[in-house]
Amino acid sequence: MNAAKKKLGGRLYTARMEAGYSQSDVQDSGIISQSHLSKIENGELMVNVFTLIRLSRLYGKNIEYFTNDLIQEI
């Protein structure tokens, strides 16, 4: 599970950077707090499915971008 959290967090970080958002910008969107997002991106916490869907929409990515190949690791 730790490896999956780190991979997913890394993918969220990459998608956020590609979309041109800071953690503060994401917090301002009302989806998640900056501190919570930081912990997820650093692999300390697992994102819940509803937040993942909202972030995927904000970042303009399909949900599969984040979950592809992680299902078997969880």
Protein backbone atom coordinates (compact mmCIF):
# COMPACT_ATOMS: atom_id res chain seq x y z
CA MET A 1 0.00 0.00 0.00
CA ASN A 2 2.85 2.42 0.73
CA ALA A 3 4.21 2.01 -2.79
CA ALA A 4 0.74 2.71 -4.21
CA LYS A 5 0.36 5.86 -2.08
CA LYS A 6 3.72 7.14 -3.30
CA LYS A 7 2.95 6.39 -6.96
CA LEU A 8 -0.47 7.99 -6.77
CA GLY A 9 0.92 10.99 -4.93
CA GLY A 10 3.61 11.40 -7.55
CA ARG A 11 1.05 11.25 -10.33
CA LEU A 12 -1.09 13.85 -8.60
CA TYR A 13 1.95 16.11 -8.21
CA THR A 14 2.90 15.70 -11.88
CA ALA A 15 -0.65 16.37 -13.07
CA ARG A 16 -0.90 19.47 -10.88
CA MET A 17 2.38 20.81 -12.22
CA GLU A 18 1.39 20.06 -15.83
CA ALA A 19 -1.90 21.90 -15.26
CA GLY A 20 -0.01 24.90 -13.89
CA TYR A 21 -1.54 24.90 -10.42
CA SER A 22 0.15 25.55 -7.10
CA GLN A 23 -1.05 23.74 -4.01
CA SER A 24 -2.54 27.06 -2.93
CA ASP A 25 -4.49 27.28 -6.22
CA VAL A 26 -5.95 23.83 -5.58
CA GLN A 27 -6.91 24.84 -2.05
CA ASP A 28 -8.60 27.96 -3.45
CA SER A 29 -10.69 25.71 -5.70
CA GLY A 30 -12.30 24.28 -2.56
CA ILE A 31 -11.44 20.66 -3.34
CA ILE A 32 -8.84 20.01 -0.64
CA SER A 33 -6.66 21.88 1.82
CA GLN A 34 -3.05 22.62 0.91
CA SER A 35 -1.73 20.62 3.87
CA HIS A 36 -3.84 17.57 3.00
CA LEU A 37 -2.80 17.76 -0.66
CA SER A 38 0.85 17.99 0.35
CA LYS A 39 0.56 14.85 2.48
CA ILE A 40 -1.11 12.98 -0.38
CA GLU A 41 1.48 14.10 -2.93
CA ASN A 42 4.26 13.03 -0.55
CA GLY A 43 2.74 9.56 -0.13
CA GLU A 44 1.82 10.07 3.53
CA LEU A 45 -1.95 9.79 3.01
CA MET A 46 -4.20 8.06 0.49
CA VAL A 47 -6.65 10.27 -1.38
CA ASN A 48 -10.31 9.29 -1.23
CA VAL A 49 -12.08 8.46 -4.47
CA PHE A 50 -14.32 11.54 -4.48
CA THR A 51 -11.38 13.91 -4.06
CA LEU A 52 -9.43 12.01 -6.73
CA ILE A 53 -12.30 12.46 -9.19
CA ARG A 54 -12.50 16.19 -8.48
CA LEU A 55 -8.73 16.61 -8.82
CA SER A 56 -8.69 14.64 -12.07
CA ARG A 57 -11.30 17.01 -13.48
CA LEU A 58 -9.42 20.09 -12.28
CA TYR A 59 -6.16 18.83 -13.78
CA GLY A 60 -7.81 17.74 -17.04
CA LYS A 61 -6.79 14.09 -16.69
CA ASN A 62 -8.78 10.87 -16.98
CA ILE A 63 -9.09 8.94 -13.74
CA GLU A 64 -7.15 6.10 -15.39
CA TYR A 65 -4.10 8.37 -15.54
CA PHE A 66 -3.93 8.11 -11.75
CA THR A 67 -5.19 4.57 -11.15
CA ASN A 68 -3.74 2.61 -14.07
CA ASP A 69 -1.72 -0.33 -12.67
CA LEU A 70 -2.24 0.67 -9.01
CA ILE A 71 -5.27 -1.52 -8.31
CA GLN A 72 -3.14 -4.62 -7.86
CA GLU A 73 -0.83 -2.84 -5.40
CA ILE A 74 -3.58 -1.81 -3.01
